[in-house]
């Protein structure tokens, strides 16, 4: 194959890779921001939730159970 065609294909592949990397970076940044927001909300409201659950049974709530409750509520609302 002609060297110019090979170079052109290589340049196209580099451009596609750069575009794909930009998309992955943007997606990862959004995911990290969402995780940060979730962590902040969870920490902010954890005491309120824990107060409610502690009035029922102190052993009923943990961060893992709190996450499970959020996951269940999200699934229910899909």
PDB file of N, CA and C in Angstrom:
ATOM      1  N   UNK A   1       0.847  -1.176   0.000  1.00  0.00           N
ATOM      2  CA  UNK A   1       0.000   0.000   0.000  1.00  0.00           C
ATOM      3  C   UNK A   1       0.892   1.237   0.000  1.00  0.00           C
ATOM      4  N   UNK A   2       0.466   2.245  -0.670  1.00  0.00           N
ATOM      5  CA  UNK A   2       1.193   3.503  -0.765  1.00  0.00           C
ATOM      6  C   UNK A   2       1.427   4.096   0.632  1.00  0.00           C
ATOM      7  N   UNK A   3       2.616   4.647   0.859  1.00  0.00           N
ATOM      8  CA  UNK A   3       2.960   5.232   2.162  1.00  0.00           C
ATOM      9  C   UNK A   3       2.015   6.370   2.536  1.00  0.00           C
ATOM     10  N   UNK A   4       1.569   7.133   1.547  1.00  0.00           N
ATOM     11  CA  UNK A   4       0.661   8.243   1.825  1.00  0.00           C
ATOM     12  C   UNK A   4      -0.677   7.737   2.340  1.00  0.00           C
ATOM     13  N   UNK A   5      -1.153   6.647   1.776  1.00  0.00           N
ATOM     14  CA  UNK A   5      -2.426   6.070   2.222  1.00  0.00           C
ATOM     15  C   UNK A   5      -2.263   5.518   3.635  1.00  0.00           C
ATOM     16  N   UNK A   6      -1.151   4.843   3.873  1.00  0.00           N
ATOM     17  CA  UNK A   6      -0.893   4.326   5.222  1.00  0.00           C
ATOM     18  C   UNK A   6      -0.851   5.463   6.247  1.00  0.00           C
ATOM     19  N   UNK A   7      -0.169   6.556   5.891  1.00  0.00           N
ATOM     20  CA  UNK A   7      -0.077   7.707   6.788  1.00  0.00           C
ATOM     21  C   UNK A   7      -1.459   8.317   7.026  1.00  0.00           C
ATOM     22  N   UNK A   8      -2.249   8.414   5.965  1.00  0.00           N
ATOM     23  CA  UNK A   8      -3.596   8.961   6.088  1.00  0.00           C
ATOM     24  C   UNK A   8      -4.440   8.085   7.022  1.00  0.00           C
ATOM     25  N   UNK A   9      -4.357   6.775   6.874  1.00  0.00           N
ATOM     26  CA  UNK A   9      -5.096   5.851   7.743  1.00  0.00           C
ATOM     27  C   UNK A   9      -4.631   5.997   9.192  1.00  0.00           C
ATOM     28  N   UNK A  10      -3.334   6.140   9.368  1.00  0.00           N
ATOM     29  CA  UNK A  10      -2.779   6.315  10.703  1.00  0.00           C
ATOM     30  C   UNK A  10      -3.288   7.618  11.325  1.00  0.00           C
ATOM     31  N   UNK A  11      -3.325   8.677  10.538  1.00  0.00           N
ATOM     32  CA  UNK A  11      -3.809   9.972  11.030  1.00  0.00           C
ATOM     33  C   UNK A  11      -5.296   9.901  11.395  1.00  0.00           C
ATOM     34  N   UNK A  12      -6.067   9.206  10.573  1.00  0.00           N
ATOM     35  CA  UNK A  12      -7.500   9.037  10.853  1.00  0.00           C
ATOM     36  C   UNK A  12      -7.688   8.259  12.152  1.00  0.00           C
ATOM     37  N   UNK A  13      -6.924   7.187  12.330  1.00  0.00           N
ATOM     38  CA  UNK A  13      -7.011   6.386  13.555  1.00  0.00           C
ATOM     39  C   UNK A  13      -6.650   7.231  14.781  1.00  0.00           C
ATOM     40  N   UNK A  14      -5.618   8.071  14.668  1.00  0.00           N
ATOM     41  CA  UNK A  14      -5.230   8.937  15.775  1.00  0.00           C
ATOM     42  C   UNK A  14      -6.346   9.921  16.107  1.00  0.00           C
ATOM     43  N   UNK A  15      -6.979  10.474  15.087  1.00  0.00           N
ATOM     44  CA  UNK A  15      -8.080  11.425  15.311  1.00  0.00           C
ATOM     45  C   UNK A  15      -9.268  10.738  15.972  1.00  0.00           C
ATOM     46  N   UNK A  16      -9.589   9.519  15.514  1.00  0.00           N
ATOM     47  CA  UNK A  16     -10.685   8.766  16.125  1.00  0.00           C
ATOM     48  C   UNK A  16     -10.372   8.439  17.579  1.00  0.00           C
ATOM     49  N   UNK A  17      -9.140   8.047  17.841  1.00  0.00           N
ATOM     50  CA  UNK A  17      -8.727   7.714  19.195  1.00  0.00           C
ATOM     51  C   UNK A  17      -8.805   8.945  20.094  1.00  0.00           C
ATOM     52  N   UNK A  18      -8.358  10.074  19.592  1.00  0.00           N
ATOM     53  CA  UNK A  18      -8.405  11.311  20.377  1.00  0.00           C
ATOM     54  C   UNK A  18      -9.847  11.688  20.700  1.00  0.00           C
ATOM     55  N   UNK A  19     -10.729  11.560  19.719  1.00  0.00           N
ATOM     56  CA  UNK A  19     -12.138  11.860  19.938  1.00  0.00           C
ATOM     57  C   UNK A  19     -12.743  10.900  20.953  1.00  0.00           C
ATOM     58  N   UNK A  20     -12.419   9.635  20.826  1.00  0.00           N
ATOM     59  CA  UNK A  20     -12.933   8.638  21.774  1.00  0.00           C
ATOM     60  C   UNK A  20     -12.416   8.918  23.181  1.00  0.00           C
ATOM     61  N   UNK A  21     -11.150   9.281  23.303  1.00  0.00           N
ATOM     62  CA  UNK A  21     -10.572   9.578  24.610  1.00  0.00           C
ATOM     63  C   UNK A  21     -11.235  10.799  25.237  1.00  0.00           C
ATOM     64  N   UNK A  22     -11.550  11.801  24.424  1.00  0.00           N
ATOM     65  CA  UNK A  22     -12.252  12.987  24.931  1.00  0.00           C
ATOM     66  C   UNK A  22     -13.620  12.598  25.481  1.00  0.00           C
ATOM     67  N   UNK A  23     -14.312  11.722  24.751  1.00  0.00           N
ATOM     68  CA  UNK A  23     -15.623  11.269  25.201  1.00  0.00           C
ATOM     69  C   UNK A  23     -15.545  10.484  26.500  1.00  0.00           C
ATOM     70  N   UNK A  24     -14.560   9.616  26.609  1.00  0.00           N
ATOM     71  CA  UNK A  24     -14.385   8.822  27.831  1.00  0.00           C
ATOM     72  C   UNK A  24     -14.019   9.736  28.995  1.00  0.00           C
ATOM     73  N   UNK A  25     -13.160  10.707  28.743  1.00  0.00           N
ATOM     74  CA  UNK A  25     -12.764  11.642  29.794  1.00  0.00           C
ATOM     75  C   UNK A  25     -13.967  12.441  30.282  1.00  0.00           C
ATOM     76  N   UNK A  26     -14.774  12.937  29.370  1.00  0.00           N
ATOM     77  CA  UNK A  26     -15.972  13.694  29.754  1.00  0.00           C
ATOM     78  C   UNK A  26     -16.934  12.810  30.546  1.00  0.00           C
ATOM     79  N   UNK A  27     -17.116  11.574  30.092  1.00  0.00           N
ATOM     80  CA  UNK A  27     -17.996  10.631  30.796  1.00  0.00           C
ATOM     81  C   UNK A  27     -17.472  10.349  32.201  1.00  0.00           C
ATOM     82  N   UNK A  28     -16.166  10.119  32.313  1.00  0.00           N
ATOM     83  CA  UNK A  28     -15.564   9.825  33.620  1.00  0.00           C
ATOM     84  C   UNK A  28     -15.673  11.026  34.553  1.00  0.00           C
ATOM     85  N   UNK A  29     -15.465  12.228  34.030  1.00  0.00           N
ATOM     86  CA  UNK A  29     -15.590  13.425  34.858  1.00  0.00           C
ATOM     87  C   UNK A  29     -17.021  13.590  35.366  1.00  0.00           C
ATOM     88  N   UNK A  30     -17.997  13.316  34.508  1.00  0.00           N
ATOM     89  CA  UNK A  30     -19.402  13.397  34.927  1.00  0.00           C
ATOM     90  C   UNK A  30     -19.705  12.335  35.979  1.00  0.00           C
ATOM     91  N   UNK A  31     -19.203  11.149  35.766  1.00  0.00           N
ATOM     92  CA  UNK A  31     -19.418  10.069  36.716  1.00  0.00           C
ATOM     93  C   UNK A  31     -18.813  10.409  38.083  1.00  0.00           C
ATOM     94  N   UNK A  32     -17.608  10.957  38.082  1.00  0.00           N
ATOM     95  CA  UNK A  32     -16.969  11.353  39.334  1.00  0.00           C
ATOM     96  C   UNK A  32     -17.746  12.473  40.024  1.00  0.00           C
ATOM     97  N   UNK A  33     -18.263  13.426  39.254  1.00  0.00           N
ATOM     98  CA  UNK A  33     -19.053  14.512  39.832  1.00  0.00           C
ATOM     99  C   UNK A  33     -20.348  13.960  40.429  1.00  0.00           C
ATOM    100  N   UNK A  34     -20.997  13.033  39.718  1.00  0.00           N
ATOM    101  CA  UNK A  34     -22.205  12.398  40.248  1.00  0.00           C
ATOM    102  C   UNK A  34     -21.901  11.647  41.541  1.00  0.00           C
ATOM    103  N   UNK A  35     -20.770  10.957  41.579  1.00  0.00           N
ATOM    104  CA  UNK A  35     -20.376  10.227  42.783  1.00  0.00           C
ATOM    105  C   UNK A  35     -20.137  11.198  43.936  1.00  0.00           C
ATOM    106  N   UNK A  36     -19.515  12.318  43.633  1.00  0.00           N
ATOM    107  CA  UNK A  36     -19.265  13.336  44.656  1.00  0.00           C
ATOM    108  C   UNK A  36     -20.588  13.905  45.186  1.00  0.00           C
ATOM    109  N   UNK A  37     -21.523  14.168  44.282  1.00  0.00           N
ATOM    110  CA  UNK A  37     -22.841  14.669  44.694  1.00  0.00           C
ATOM    111  C   UNK A  37     -23.565  13.648  45.567  1.00  0.00           C
ATOM    112  N   UNK A  38     -23.528  12.389  45.155  1.00  0.00           N
ATOM    113  CA  UNK A  38     -24.191  11.339  45.917  1.00  0.00           C
ATOM    114  C   UNK A  38     -23.587  11.233  47.308  1.00  0.00           C
ATOM    115  N   UNK A  39     -22.267  11.232  47.383  1.00  0.00           N
ATOM    116  CA  UNK A  39     -21.590  11.124  48.677  1.00  0.00           C
ATOM    117  C   UNK A  39     -21.987  12.286  49.574  1.00  0.00           C
ATOM    118  N   UNK A  40     -22.026  13.483  49.018  1.00  0.00           N
ATOM    119  CA  UNK A  40     -22.403  14.667  49.793  1.00  0.00           C
ATOM    120  C   UNK A  40     -23.829  14.531  50.306  1.00  0.00           C
ATOM    121  N   UNK A  41     -24.756  14.137  49.421  1.00  0.00           N
ATOM    122  CA  UNK A  41     -26.148  13.963  49.840  1.00  0.00           C
ATOM    123  C   UNK A  41     -26.280  12.887  50.908  1.00  0.00           C
ATOM    124  N   UNK A  42     -25.599  11.790  50.689  1.00  0.00           N
ATOM    125  CA  UNK A  42     -25.674  10.690  51.639  1.00  0.00           C
ATOM    126  C   UNK A  42     -25.172  11.130  53.009  1.00  0.00           C
ATOM    127  N   UNK A  43     -24.034  11.820  53.036  1.00  0.00           N
ATOM    128  CA  UNK A  43     -23.489  12.286  54.305  1.00  0.00           C
ATOM    129  C   UNK A  43     -24.406  13.323  54.953  1.00  0.00           C
ATOM    130  N   UNK A  44     -24.966  14.192  54.151  1.00  0.00           N
ATOM    131  CA  UNK A  44     -25.823  15.259  54.676  1.00  0.00           C
ATOM    132  C   UNK A  44     -27.107  14.698  55.292  1.00  0.00           C
ATOM    133  N   UNK A  45     -27.673  13.685  54.667  1.00  0.00           N
ATOM    134  CA  UNK A  45     -28.961  13.155  55.120  1.00  0.00           C
ATOM    135  C   UNK A  45     -28.851  11.883  55.947  1.00  0.00           C
ATOM    136  N   UNK A  46     -27.640  11.370  56.073  1.00  0.00           N
ATOM    137  CA  UNK A  46     -27.463  10.116  56.800  1.00  0.00           C
ATOM    138  C   UNK A  46     -27.924  10.231  58.251  1.00  0.00           C
ATOM    139  N   UNK A  47     -27.611  11.342  58.910  1.00  0.00           N
ATOM    140  CA  UNK A  47     -28.013  11.501  60.306  1.00  0.00           C
ATOM    141  C   UNK A  47     -29.530  11.515  60.444  1.00  0.00           C
ATOM    142  N   UNK A  48     -30.214  12.188  59.545  1.00  0.00           N
ATOM    143  CA  UNK A  48     -31.678  12.221  59.596  1.00  0.00           C
ATOM    144  C   UNK A  48     -32.242  10.822  59.421  1.00  0.00           C
ATOM    145  N   UNK A  49     -31.741  10.128  58.413  1.00  0.00           N
ATOM    146  CA  UNK A  49     -32.206   8.761  58.167  1.00  0.00           C
ATOM    147  C   UNK A  49     -31.868   7.873  59.352  1.00  0.00           C
ATOM    148  N   UNK A  50     -30.653   8.022  59.865  1.00  0.00           N
ATOM    149  CA  UNK A  50     -30.245   7.185  60.995  1.00  0.00           C
ATOM    150  C   UNK A  50     -31.098   7.484  62.229  1.00  0.00           C
ATOM    151  N   UNK A  51     -31.454   8.744  62.458  1.00  0.00           N
ATOM    152  CA  UNK A  51     -32.316   9.082  63.597  1.00  0.00           C
ATOM    153  C   UNK A  51     -33.652   8.364  63.490  1.00  0.00           C
ATOM    154  N   UNK A  52     -34.213   8.344  62.294  1.00  0.00           N
ATOM    155  CA  UNK A  52     -35.499   7.667  62.083  1.00  0.00           C
ATOM    156  C   UNK A  52     -35.347   6.176  62.341  1.00  0.00           C
ATOM    157  N   UNK A  53     -34.340   5.569  61.732  1.00  0.00           N
ATOM    158  CA  UNK A  53     -34.157   4.130  61.892  1.00  0.00           C
ATOM    159  C   UNK A  53     -33.714   3.749  63.300  1.00  0.00           C
ATOM    160  N   UNK A  54     -32.920   4.600  63.928  1.00  0.00           N
ATOM    161  CA  UNK A  54     -32.476   4.308  65.292  1.00  0.00           C
ATOM    162  C   UNK A  54     -33.647   4.300  66.266  1.00  0.00           C
ATOM    163  N   UNK A  55     -34.674   5.086  65.954  1.00  0.00           N
ATOM    164  CA  UNK A  55     -35.834   5.084  66.833  1.00  0.00           C
ATOM    165  C   UNK A  55     -36.570   3.743  66.739  1.00  0.00           C
ATOM    166  N   UNK A  56     -36.367   3.038  65.627  1.00  0.00           N
ATOM    167  CA  UNK A  56     -36.975   1.714  65.458  1.00  0.00           C
ATOM    168  C   UNK A  56     -36.027   0.649  65.999  1.00  0.00           C
ATOM    169  N   UNK A  57     -34.800   0.648  65.479  1.00  0.00           N
ATOM    170  CA  UNK A  57     -33.797  -0.320  65.915  1.00  0.00           C
ATOM    171  C   UNK A  57     -32.423   0.206  65.524  1.00  0.00           C
ATOM    172  N   UNK A  58     -31.563   0.430  66.506  1.00  0.00           N
ATOM    173  CA  UNK A  58     -30.234   0.979  66.195  1.00  0.00           C
ATOM    174  C   UNK A  58     -29.418   0.145  65.214  1.00  0.00           C
ATOM    175  N   UNK A  59     -29.671  -1.136  65.145  1.00  0.00           N
ATOM    176  CA  UNK A  59     -28.876  -2.010  64.279  1.00  0.00           C
ATOM    177  C   UNK A  59     -29.412  -2.079  62.857  1.00  0.00           C
ATOM    178  N   UNK A  60     -30.512  -1.374  62.574  1.00  0.00           N
ATOM    179  CA  UNK A  60     -31.154  -1.517  61.266  1.00  0.00           C
ATOM    180  C   UNK A  60     -30.454  -0.772  60.136  1.00  0.00           C
ATOM    181  N   UNK A  61     -29.700   0.274  60.429  1.00  0.00           N
ATOM    182  CA  UNK A  61     -29.161   1.090  59.350  1.00  0.00           C
ATOM    183  C   UNK A  61     -27.632   1.097  59.385  1.00  0.00           C
ATOM    184  N   UNK A  62     -27.067   1.082  58.225  1.00  0.00           N
ATOM    185  CA  UNK A  62     -25.629   1.215  58.034  1.00  0.00           C
ATOM    186  C   UNK A  62     -25.462   1.892  56.679  1.00  0.00           C
ATOM    187  N   UNK A  63     -24.276   2.392  56.366  1.00  0.00           N
ATOM    188  CA  UNK A  63     -24.087   2.971  55.028  1.00  0.00           C
ATOM    189  C   UNK A  63     -24.454   1.990  53.912  1.00  0.00           C
ATOM    190  N   UNK A  64     -24.157   0.716  54.115  1.00  0.00           N
ATOM    191  CA  UNK A  64     -24.470  -0.283  53.088  1.00  0.00           C
ATOM    192  C   UNK A  64     -25.984  -0.445  52.929  1.00  0.00           C
ATOM    193  N   UNK A  65     -26.699  -0.471  54.062  1.00  0.00           N
ATOM    194  CA  UNK A  65     -28.162  -0.578  53.987  1.00  0.00           C
ATOM    195  C   UNK A  65     -28.774   0.688  53.392  1.00  0.00           C
ATOM    196  N   UNK A  66     -28.178   1.818  53.718  1.00  0.00           N
ATOM    197  CA  UNK A  66     -28.636   3.084  53.148  1.00  0.00           C
ATOM    198  C   UNK A  66     -28.479   3.043  51.627  1.00  0.00           C
ATOM    199  N   UNK A  67     -27.335   2.571  51.154  1.00  0.00           N
ATOM    200  CA  UNK A  67     -27.114   2.422  49.705  1.00  0.00           C
ATOM    201  C   UNK A  67     -28.131   1.463  49.105  1.00  0.00           C
ATOM    202  N   UNK A  68     -28.392   0.353  49.776  1.00  0.00           N
ATOM    203  CA  UNK A  68     -29.348  -0.633  49.274  1.00  0.00           C
ATOM    204  C   UNK A  68     -30.742  -0.028  49.185  1.00  0.00           C
ATOM    205  N   UNK A  69     -31.111   0.790  50.169  1.00  0.00           N
ATOM    206  CA  UNK A  69     -32.419   1.436  50.140  1.00  0.00           C
ATOM    207  C   UNK A  69     -32.521   2.413  48.978  1.00  0.00           C
ATOM    208  N   UNK A  70     -31.446   3.159  48.718  1.00  0.00           N
ATOM    209  CA  UNK A  70     -31.427   4.079  47.578  1.00  0.00           C
ATOM    210  C   UNK A  70     -31.526   3.300  46.277  1.00  0.00           C
ATOM    211  N   UNK A  71     -30.753   2.225  46.157  1.00  0.00           N
ATOM    212  CA  UNK A  71     -30.799   1.390  44.942  1.00  0.00           C
ATOM    213  C   UNK A  71     -32.208   0.852  44.711  1.00  0.00           C
ATOM    214  N   UNK A  72     -32.853   0.377  45.778  1.00  0.00           N
ATOM    215  CA  UNK A  72     -34.208  -0.172  45.653  1.00  0.00           C
ATOM    216  C   UNK A  72     -35.186   0.914  45.225  1.00  0.00           C
ATOM    217  N   UNK A  73     -35.068   2.116  45.799  1.00  0.00           N
ATOM    218  CA  UNK A  73     -35.954   3.204  45.424  1.00  0.00           C
ATOM    219  C   UNK A  73     -35.732   3.625  43.966  1.00  0.00           C
ATOM    220  N   UNK A  74     -34.465   3.649  43.551  1.00  0.00           N
ATOM    221  CA  UNK A  74     -34.175   3.995  42.159  1.00  0.00           C
ATOM    222  C   UNK A  74     -34.779   2.967  41.213  1.00  0.00           C
ATOM    223  N   UNK A  75     -34.630   1.682  41.548  1.00  0.00           N
ATOM    224  CA  UNK A  75     -35.159   0.614  40.706  1.00  0.00           C
ATOM    225  C   UNK A  75     -36.689   0.699  40.624  1.00  0.00           C
ATOM    226  N   UNK A  76     -37.306   1.013  41.744  1.00  0.00           N
ATOM    227  CA  UNK A  76     -38.772   1.114  41.803  1.00  0.00           C
ATOM    228  C   UNK A  76     -39.282   2.244  40.912  1.00  0.00           C
ATOM    229  N   UNK A  77     -38.507   3.314  40.795  1.00  0.00           N
ATOM    230  CA  UNK A  77     -38.931   4.488  40.034  1.00  0.00           C
ATOM    231  C   UNK A  77     -38.535   4.449  38.560  1.00  0.00           C
ATOM    232  N   UNK A  78     -37.960   3.338  38.103  1.00  0.00           N
ATOM    233  CA  UNK A  78     -37.578   3.238  36.675  1.00  0.00           C
ATOM    234  C   UNK A  78     -38.791   3.023  35.821  1.00  0.00           C
TER     235      UNK A  78
END
